[in-house]
Amino acid sequence: MKVLVPVKRVIDFNVAIRVKADGSGVERTNVKMSINPFDEIAVEEAVRLREAGIASEVIAISIGPRECTETLRTALAMGADRGLLILAEQDIEPLTVAKVLKAVVAEETPQLVILGKQAIDDDCNQTGQMLAALLDWPQGTFASKVDIKNGRISVTREVDGGLQTVDLKLPAIVTTDLRLNEPRYASLPNIMKARKKPIAEKTLADYGIDATPRLKILDVREPSKRRTGERLGTAADLVGKLRQAGVI
């Protein structure tokens, strides 16, 4: 079974985000970038499936500028077998990403696509669902546990009311949640081996996909500063403050 894992290059989660002076977006110049944490979990799960003898090959794919090669190298160092870079200099919206992935699925014919439930830069949480709709494949989103047997995949999902388990027929789409696994540390020997693993390059034009944005960003602002809290001595003081604020 072949597994496809899309990975996105995002600003590292440890970096404090700064908004550009003109309000057109966030500052990315001279900022540390890394693999999207949810996608890292997806890579780990795919590699575990291959190590268990369930998957035969893990393919990592990234869509973006040439710098995404380093993101793919991270996935390869974790254990992915090969990479595919779809070059795109402009920002790509979730629907365009889903269309590209649909084209890659038609080309690679994987039985399973595992991707992060969302990217930490835009938090859209849309690509997996859109891809499932375009392919007309069953989907298991927000996965915290995955089990594959006899051509079917059981996905335990994290929902508002607790946990839900869905039984899906392969091929299928799975989006990962934080508690699915703990991604492994890429050791130095594996990092060196990853540099020898193949990464193919293609463009959006190779798939005949129009990447023209359908959404327009009007303004980007930093969140307002939170007001300093106040410690109150009694419950009566709290009630008085709430009445003063018009809450009760």
C-alpha atoms as a PDB file:
ATOM      1  CA  MET A   1       0.000   0.000   0.000  1.00  0.00           C
ATOM      2  CA  LYS A   2       1.325   3.415  -0.989  1.00  0.00           C
ATOM      3  CA  VAL A   3       0.815   6.371   1.385  1.00  0.00           C
ATOM      4  CA  LEU A   4       0.902  10.023   0.320  1.00  0.00           C
ATOM      5  CA  VAL A   5       1.742  12.656   2.962  1.00  0.00           C
ATOM      6  CA  PRO A   6       1.453  16.373   2.115  1.00  0.00           C
ATOM      7  CA  VAL A   7       3.730  18.604   4.227  1.00  0.00           C
ATOM      8  CA  LYS A   8       3.676  22.401   4.457  1.00  0.00           C
ATOM      9  CA  ARG A   9       6.473  24.875   5.191  1.00  0.00           C
ATOM     10  CA  VAL A  10       5.320  27.283   7.909  1.00  0.00           C
ATOM     11  CA  ILE A  11       6.808  29.740  10.377  1.00  0.00           C
ATOM     12  CA  ASP A  12       8.232  27.751  13.288  1.00  0.00           C
ATOM     13  CA  PHE A  13       5.770  27.518  16.182  1.00  0.00           C
ATOM     14  CA  ASN A  14       8.380  28.909  18.584  1.00  0.00           C
ATOM     15  CA  VAL A  15       8.711  32.160  16.615  1.00  0.00           C
ATOM     16  CA  ALA A  16       6.787  35.262  17.718  1.00  0.00           C
ATOM     17  CA  ILE A  17       4.685  36.375  14.733  1.00  0.00           C
ATOM     18  CA  ARG A  18       5.167  39.961  13.547  1.00  0.00           C
ATOM     19  CA  VAL A  19       2.723  41.745  11.245  1.00  0.00           C
ATOM     20  CA  LYS A  20       4.151  43.681   8.294  1.00  0.00           C
ATOM     21  CA  ALA A  21       4.109  47.464   8.584  1.00  0.00           C
ATOM     22  CA  ASP A  22       1.690  47.792   5.655  1.00  0.00           C
ATOM     23  CA  GLY A  23      -0.736  45.259   7.164  1.00  0.00           C
ATOM     24  CA  SER A  24      -0.556  43.001   4.110  1.00  0.00           C
ATOM     25  CA  GLY A  25       0.472  39.874   6.016  1.00  0.00           C
ATOM     26  CA  VAL A  26       3.010  38.511   8.485  1.00  0.00           C
ATOM     27  CA  GLU A  27       6.765  38.979   8.271  1.00  0.00           C
ATOM     28  CA  ARG A  28       8.618  35.970   6.848  1.00  0.00           C
ATOM     29  CA  THR A  29      11.969  37.549   5.981  1.00  0.00           C
ATOM     30  CA  ASN A  30      14.802  36.125   8.105  1.00  0.00           C
ATOM     31  CA  VAL A  31      12.274  34.078  10.091  1.00  0.00           C
ATOM     32  CA  LYS A  32      12.843  30.434  11.026  1.00  0.00           C
ATOM     33  CA  MET A  33      10.622  28.100   9.009  1.00  0.00           C
ATOM     34  CA  SER A  34       9.832  24.455   9.706  1.00  0.00           C
ATOM     35  CA  ILE A  35       7.466  21.629   8.848  1.00  0.00           C
ATOM     36  CA  ASN A  36       3.875  22.140   9.990  1.00  0.00           C
ATOM     37  CA  PRO A  37       3.540  20.244  13.341  1.00  0.00           C
ATOM     38  CA  PHE A  38       0.330  18.449  12.309  1.00  0.00           C
ATOM     39  CA  ASP A  39       1.994  17.322   9.072  1.00  0.00           C
ATOM     40  CA  GLU A  40       4.955  16.053  11.091  1.00  0.00           C
ATOM     41  CA  ILE A  41       2.506  13.819  12.966  1.00  0.00           C
ATOM     42  CA  ALA A  42       1.145  12.617   9.619  1.00  0.00           C
ATOM     43  CA  VAL A  43       4.649  11.690   8.428  1.00  0.00           C
ATOM     44  CA  GLU A  44       5.302   9.787  11.651  1.00  0.00           C
ATOM     45  CA  GLU A  45       2.072   7.796  11.291  1.00  0.00           C
ATOM     46  CA  ALA A  46       2.829   6.935   7.670  1.00  0.00           C
ATOM     47  CA  VAL A  47       6.348   5.778   8.547  1.00  0.00           C
ATOM     48  CA  ARG A  48       4.972   3.632  11.376  1.00  0.00           C
ATOM     49  CA  LEU A  49       2.574   1.992   8.925  1.00  0.00           C
ATOM     50  CA  ARG A  50       5.484   1.156   6.638  1.00  0.00           C
ATOM     51  CA  GLU A  51       7.561  -0.176   9.537  1.00  0.00           C
ATOM     52  CA  ALA A  52       4.616  -2.395  10.524  1.00  0.00           C
ATOM     53  CA  GLY A  53       4.554  -3.857   7.017  1.00  0.00           C
ATOM     54  CA  ILE A  54       1.176  -2.277   6.187  1.00  0.00           C
ATOM     55  CA  ALA A  55       2.505   0.407   3.840  1.00  0.00           C
ATOM     56  CA  SER A  56       5.040  -0.293   1.106  1.00  0.00           C
ATOM     57  CA  GLU A  57       6.077   3.288   0.306  1.00  0.00           C
ATOM     58  CA  VAL A  58       5.705   6.738   1.871  1.00  0.00           C
ATOM     59  CA  ILE A  59       5.756   9.741  -0.463  1.00  0.00           C
ATOM     60  CA  ALA A  60       6.060  13.259   0.955  1.00  0.00           C
ATOM     61  CA  ILE A  61       4.742  16.138  -1.160  1.00  0.00           C
ATOM     62  CA  SER A  62       5.070  19.883  -0.659  1.00  0.00           C
ATOM     63  CA  ILE A  63       3.655  22.797  -2.660  1.00  0.00           C
ATOM     64  CA  GLY A  64       5.476  26.117  -2.572  1.00  0.00           C
ATOM     65  CA  PRO A  65       8.807  27.821  -3.285  1.00  0.00           C
ATOM     66  CA  ARG A  66      12.081  25.951  -3.723  1.00  0.00           C
ATOM     67  CA  GLU A  67      12.809  26.419   0.002  1.00  0.00           C
ATOM     68  CA  CYS A  68      10.178  23.726   0.620  1.00  0.00           C
ATOM     69  CA  THR A  69      12.909  21.254  -0.318  1.00  0.00           C
ATOM     70  CA  GLU A  70      14.171  21.523   3.258  1.00  0.00           C
ATOM     71  CA  THR A  71      10.700  20.679   4.545  1.00  0.00           C
ATOM     72  CA  LEU A  72      10.712  17.588   2.356  1.00  0.00           C
ATOM     73  CA  ARG A  73      14.202  16.686   3.599  1.00  0.00           C
ATOM     74  CA  THR A  74      12.810  16.736   7.147  1.00  0.00           C
ATOM     75  CA  ALA A  75      10.102  14.270   6.125  1.00  0.00           C
ATOM     76  CA  LEU A  76      12.671  12.096   4.358  1.00  0.00           C
ATOM     77  CA  ALA A  77      14.913  12.151   7.443  1.00  0.00           C
ATOM     78  CA  MET A  78      11.956  10.922   9.499  1.00  0.00           C
ATOM     79  CA  GLY A  79      11.603   7.946   7.153  1.00  0.00           C
ATOM     80  CA  ALA A  80       9.665   8.936   4.029  1.00  0.00           C
ATOM     81  CA  ASP A  81      10.972   7.150   0.933  1.00  0.00           C
ATOM     82  CA  ARG A  82      10.874   9.958  -1.625  1.00  0.00           C
ATOM     83  CA  GLY A  83       9.658  13.492  -2.089  1.00  0.00           C
ATOM     84  CA  LEU A  84       7.756  15.544  -4.636  1.00  0.00           C
ATOM     85  CA  LEU A  85       8.004  19.344  -4.806  1.00  0.00           C
ATOM     86  CA  ILE A  86       5.343  21.269  -6.723  1.00  0.00           C
ATOM     87  CA  LEU A  87       6.898  24.666  -7.349  1.00  0.00           C
ATOM     88  CA  ALA A  88       4.651  27.667  -6.678  1.00  0.00           C
ATOM     89  CA  GLU A  89       5.971  31.092  -5.730  1.00  0.00           C
ATOM     90  CA  GLN A  90       2.620  32.603  -4.731  1.00  0.00           C
ATOM     91  CA  ASP A  91       0.551  31.689  -1.662  1.00  0.00           C
ATOM     92  CA  ILE A  92      -1.700  28.718  -2.423  1.00  0.00           C
ATOM     93  CA  GLU A  93      -5.258  28.526  -1.105  1.00  0.00           C
ATOM     94  CA  PRO A  94      -6.677  25.275   0.348  1.00  0.00           C
ATOM     95  CA  LEU A  95      -8.892  24.522  -2.669  1.00  0.00           C
ATOM     96  CA  THR A  96      -5.927  24.850  -5.037  1.00  0.00           C
ATOM     97  CA  VAL A  97      -3.876  22.575  -2.782  1.00  0.00           C
ATOM     98  CA  ALA A  98      -6.691  20.003  -2.847  1.00  0.00           C
ATOM     99  CA  LYS A  99      -6.825  20.166  -6.662  1.00  0.00           C
ATOM    100  CA  VAL A 100      -3.065  19.648  -6.905  1.00  0.00           C
ATOM    101  CA  LEU A 101      -3.231  16.705  -4.503  1.00  0.00           C
ATOM    102  CA  LYS A 102      -6.075  15.189  -6.527  1.00  0.00           C
ATOM    103  CA  ALA A 103      -3.855  15.314  -9.618  1.00  0.00           C
ATOM    104  CA  VAL A 104      -0.947  13.753  -7.720  1.00  0.00           C
ATOM    105  CA  VAL A 105      -3.226  10.997  -6.385  1.00  0.00           C
ATOM    106  CA  ALA A 106      -4.271  10.186  -9.953  1.00  0.00           C
ATOM    107  CA  GLU A 107      -0.594   9.970 -10.893  1.00  0.00           C
ATOM    108  CA  GLU A 108       0.728   8.049  -7.859  1.00  0.00           C
ATOM    109  CA  THR A 109      -2.411   5.973  -7.035  1.00  0.00           C
ATOM    110  CA  PRO A 110      -1.911   5.804  -3.237  1.00  0.00           C
ATOM    111  CA  GLN A 111      -4.353   3.868  -1.081  1.00  0.00           C
ATOM    112  CA  LEU A 112      -4.120   6.362   1.756  1.00  0.00           C
ATOM    113  CA  VAL A 113      -3.513  10.105   2.065  1.00  0.00           C
ATOM    114  CA  ILE A 114      -2.536  11.293   5.555  1.00  0.00           C
ATOM    115  CA  LEU A 115      -2.224  15.007   6.210  1.00  0.00           C
ATOM    116  CA  GLY A 116      -2.349  17.371   9.167  1.00  0.00           C
ATOM    117  CA  LYS A 117      -5.816  18.555  10.136  1.00  0.00           C
ATOM    118  CA  GLN A 118      -4.685  22.166   9.640  1.00  0.00           C
ATOM    119  CA  ALA A 119      -1.643  24.351   9.093  1.00  0.00           C
ATOM    120  CA  ILE A 120      -0.625  26.605  11.963  1.00  0.00           C
ATOM    121  CA  ASP A 121      -0.179  29.643   9.698  1.00  0.00           C
ATOM    122  CA  ASP A 122      -3.750  29.992   8.410  1.00  0.00           C
ATOM    123  CA  ASP A 123      -5.628  27.430  10.576  1.00  0.00           C
ATOM    124  CA  CYS A 124      -8.067  26.790   7.705  1.00  0.00           C
ATOM    125  CA  ASN A 125      -8.694  23.072   8.387  1.00  0.00           C
ATOM    126  CA  GLN A 126     -10.081  22.631   4.866  1.00  0.00           C
ATOM    127  CA  THR A 127      -7.638  20.806   2.586  1.00  0.00           C
ATOM    128  CA  GLY A 128      -8.316  17.248   3.777  1.00  0.00           C
ATOM    129  CA  GLN A 129     -12.085  17.630   3.528  1.00  0.00           C
ATOM    130  CA  MET A 130     -11.863  19.297   0.103  1.00  0.00           C
ATOM    131  CA  LEU A 131      -9.586  16.551  -1.202  1.00  0.00           C
ATOM    132  CA  ALA A 132     -11.975  13.856   0.018  1.00  0.00           C
ATOM    133  CA  ALA A 133     -14.843  15.611  -1.777  1.00  0.00           C
ATOM    134  CA  LEU A 134     -12.891  15.991  -5.037  1.00  0.00           C
ATOM    135  CA  LEU A 135     -11.815  12.335  -4.994  1.00  0.00           C
ATOM    136  CA  ASP A 136     -15.132  11.065  -3.615  1.00  0.00           C
ATOM    137  CA  TRP A 137     -13.162   9.118  -0.992  1.00  0.00           C
ATOM    138  CA  PRO A 138     -14.242   8.432   2.599  1.00  0.00           C
ATOM    139  CA  GLN A 139     -12.534  10.584   5.217  1.00  0.00           C
ATOM    140  CA  GLY A 140     -11.581  10.328   8.878  1.00  0.00           C
ATOM    141  CA  THR A 141     -10.711  13.750  10.295  1.00  0.00           C
ATOM    142  CA  PHE A 142      -9.106  14.731  13.643  1.00  0.00           C
ATOM    143  CA  ALA A 143      -7.636  11.245  14.006  1.00  0.00           C
ATOM    144  CA  SER A 144      -6.222  10.258  17.396  1.00  0.00           C
ATOM    145  CA  LYS A 145      -5.891   6.543  16.530  1.00  0.00           C
ATOM    146  CA  VAL A 146      -5.609   4.643  13.246  1.00  0.00           C
ATOM    147  CA  ASP A 147      -5.941   0.900  12.643  1.00  0.00           C
ATOM    148  CA  ILE A 148      -5.794  -0.764   9.203  1.00  0.00           C
ATOM    149  CA  LYS A 149      -7.004  -4.331   8.580  1.00  0.00           C
ATOM    150  CA  ASN A 150      -8.367  -6.240   5.588  1.00  0.00           C
ATOM    151  CA  GLY A 151      -8.583  -3.272   3.249  1.00  0.00           C
ATOM    152  CA  ARG A 152     -10.380  -1.070   5.759  1.00  0.00           C
ATOM    153  CA  ILE A 153      -9.213   1.644   8.122  1.00  0.00           C
ATOM    154  CA  SER A 154     -10.642   2.357  11.569  1.00  0.00           C
ATOM    155  CA  VAL A 155     -10.174   5.985  12.642  1.00  0.00           C
ATOM    156  CA  THR A 156     -10.830   7.205  16.172  1.00  0.00           C
ATOM    157  CA  ARG A 157     -11.779  10.873  15.936  1.00  0.00           C
ATOM    158  CA  GLU A 158     -11.646  13.597  18.553  1.00  0.00           C
ATOM    159  CA  VAL A 159     -15.020  15.354  18.589  1.00  0.00           C
ATOM    160  CA  ASP A 160     -16.655  17.852  20.939  1.00  0.00           C
ATOM    161  CA  GLY A 161     -18.517  15.128  22.839  1.00  0.00           C
ATOM    162  CA  GLY A 162     -15.487  12.845  23.275  1.00  0.00           C
ATOM    163  CA  LEU A 163     -14.312  10.162  20.835  1.00  0.00           C
ATOM    164  CA  GLN A 164     -15.959   8.757  17.731  1.00  0.00           C
ATOM    165  CA  THR A 165     -14.751   5.746  15.727  1.00  0.00           C
ATOM    166  CA  VAL A 166     -15.484   5.479  12.009  1.00  0.00           C
ATOM    167  CA  ASP A 167     -14.825   2.444   9.802  1.00  0.00           C
ATOM    168  CA  LEU A 168     -13.766   3.379   6.270  1.00  0.00           C
ATOM    169  CA  LYS A 169     -13.055   1.443   3.105  1.00  0.00           C
ATOM    170  CA  LEU A 170      -9.690   2.159   1.478  1.00  0.00           C
ATOM    171  CA  PRO A 171      -8.672   4.282  -0.354  1.00  0.00           C
ATOM    172  CA  ALA A 172      -9.339   7.023   2.172  1.00  0.00           C
ATOM    173  CA  ILE A 173      -8.276  10.420   3.520  1.00  0.00           C
ATOM    174  CA  VAL A 174      -7.099  10.840   7.137  1.00  0.00           C
ATOM    175  CA  THR A 175      -6.281  14.131   8.877  1.00  0.00           C
ATOM    176  CA  THR A 176      -4.211  13.960  12.051  1.00  0.00           C
ATOM    177  CA  ASP A 177      -4.774  15.441  15.485  1.00  0.00           C
ATOM    178  CA  LEU A 178      -2.137  16.121  18.137  1.00  0.00           C
ATOM    179  CA  ARG A 179      -2.691  12.941  20.149  1.00  0.00           C
ATOM    180  CA  LEU A 180      -2.247  10.510  17.267  1.00  0.00           C
ATOM    181  CA  ASN A 181       1.459  10.013  17.996  1.00  0.00           C
ATOM    182  CA  GLU A 182       4.730  11.619  19.100  1.00  0.00           C
ATOM    183  CA  PRO A 183       6.913  12.388  16.041  1.00  0.00           C
ATOM    184  CA  ARG A 184      10.392  10.898  16.174  1.00  0.00           C
ATOM    185  CA  TYR A 185      13.575  12.907  16.314  1.00  0.00           C
ATOM    186  CA  ALA A 186      15.442  12.904  13.011  1.00  0.00           C
ATOM    187  CA  SER A 187      18.921  11.585  13.874  1.00  0.00           C
ATOM    188  CA  LEU A 188      22.062  12.868  12.159  1.00  0.00           C
ATOM    189  CA  PRO A 189      22.630   9.617  10.182  1.00  0.00           C
ATOM    190  CA  ASN A 190      19.057   9.753   8.900  1.00  0.00           C
ATOM    191  CA  ILE A 191      19.457  13.421   7.997  1.00  0.00           C
ATOM    192  CA  MET A 192      22.531  12.507   5.946  1.00  0.00           C
ATOM    193  CA  LYS A 193      20.684   9.610   4.280  1.00  0.00           C
ATOM    194  CA  ALA A 194      17.783  11.935   3.471  1.00  0.00           C
ATOM    195  CA  ARG A 195      20.072  14.056   1.312  1.00  0.00           C
ATOM    196  CA  LYS A 196      20.486  11.088  -1.036  1.00  0.00           C
ATOM    197  CA  LYS A 197      16.780  10.301  -1.324  1.00  0.00           C
ATOM    198  CA  PRO A 198      15.120  11.499  -4.536  1.00  0.00           C
ATOM    199  CA  ILE A 199      12.974  14.640  -4.707  1.00  0.00           C
ATOM    200  CA  ALA A 200      11.152  15.166  -8.007  1.00  0.00           C
ATOM    201  CA  GLU A 201      10.165  18.679  -9.070  1.00  0.00           C
ATOM    202  CA  LYS A 202       7.093  19.755 -10.999  1.00  0.00           C
ATOM    203  CA  THR A 203       5.073  22.936 -11.440  1.00  0.00           C
ATOM    204  CA  LEU A 204       1.396  23.820 -11.213  1.00  0.00           C
ATOM    205  CA  ALA A 205       1.421  24.170 -14.997  1.00  0.00           C
ATOM    206  CA  ASP A 206       2.392  20.492 -15.314  1.00  0.00           C
ATOM    207  CA  TYR A 207      -0.985  19.637 -13.805  1.00  0.00           C
ATOM    208  CA  GLY A 208      -2.903  22.374 -15.646  1.00  0.00           C
ATOM    209  CA  ILE A 209      -4.085  23.953 -12.400  1.00  0.00           C
ATOM    210  CA  ASP A 210      -4.977  27.629 -12.123  1.00  0.00           C
ATOM    211  CA  ALA A 211      -3.621  29.054  -8.848  1.00  0.00           C
ATOM    212  CA  THR A 212      -5.314  32.473  -9.172  1.00  0.00           C
ATOM    213  CA  PRO A 213      -6.390  33.533  -5.645  1.00  0.00           C
ATOM    214  CA  ARG A 214     -10.120  33.556  -4.978  1.00  0.00           C
ATOM    215  CA  LEU A 215      -9.749  35.212  -1.591  1.00  0.00           C
ATOM    216  CA  LYS A 216      -8.441  38.707  -0.915  1.00  0.00           C
ATOM    217  CA  ILE A 217      -6.762  39.761   2.337  1.00  0.00           C
ATOM    218  CA  LEU A 218      -7.978  43.237   3.235  1.00  0.00           C
ATOM    219  CA  ASP A 219      -5.962  43.838   6.373  1.00  0.00           C
ATOM    220  CA  VAL A 220      -3.837  41.980   8.916  1.00  0.00           C
ATOM    221  CA  ARG A 221      -3.573  43.246  12.479  1.00  0.00           C
ATOM    222  CA  GLU A 222      -2.034  42.042  15.713  1.00  0.00           C
ATOM    223  CA  PRO A 223      -4.558  41.088  18.412  1.00  0.00           C
ATOM    224  CA  SER A 224      -5.311  43.806  20.926  1.00  0.00           C
ATOM    225  CA  LYS A 225      -3.457  43.726  24.221  1.00  0.00           C
ATOM    226  CA  ARG A 226      -5.238  41.973  27.061  1.00  0.00           C
ATOM    227  CA  ARG A 227      -6.065  44.179  30.002  1.00  0.00           C
ATOM    228  CA  THR A 228      -4.354  43.458  33.301  1.00  0.00           C
ATOM    229  CA  GLY A 229      -6.392  41.283  35.613  1.00  0.00           C
ATOM    230  CA  GLU A 230      -7.524  42.330  39.080  1.00  0.00           C
ATOM    231  CA  ARG A 231      -7.520  40.163  42.196  1.00  0.00           C
ATOM    232  CA  LEU A 232     -10.646  40.526  44.364  1.00  0.00           C
ATOM    233  CA  GLY A 233     -10.946  39.647  48.003  1.00  0.00           C
ATOM    234  CA  THR A 234     -14.493  38.329  48.247  1.00  0.00           C
ATOM    235  CA  ALA A 235     -17.311  36.945  46.141  1.00  0.00           C
ATOM    236  CA  ALA A 236     -19.307  40.096  46.912  1.00  0.00           C
ATOM    237  CA  ASP A 237     -16.540  42.191  45.322  1.00  0.00           C
ATOM    238  CA  LEU A 238     -16.708  39.987  42.227  1.00  0.00           C
ATOM    239  CA  VAL A 239     -20.477  40.399  41.957  1.00  0.00           C
ATOM    240  CA  GLY A 240     -20.071  44.146  42.330  1.00  0.00           C
ATOM    241  CA  LYS A 241     -17.501  44.281  39.527  1.00  0.00           C
ATOM    242  CA  LEU A 242     -19.715  42.186  37.230  1.00  0.00           C
ATOM    243  CA  ARG A 243     -22.686  44.495  37.880  1.00  0.00           C
ATOM    244  CA  GLN A 244     -20.491  47.503  37.266  1.00  0.00           C
ATOM    245  CA  ALA A 245     -19.430  46.031  33.913  1.00  0.00           C
ATOM    246  CA  GLY A 246     -23.044  45.349  33.012  1.00  0.00           C
ATOM    247  CA  VAL A 247     -22.530  41.591  32.803  1.00  0.00           C
ATOM    248  CA  ILE A 248     -25.253  40.891  35.381  1.00  0.00           C
END
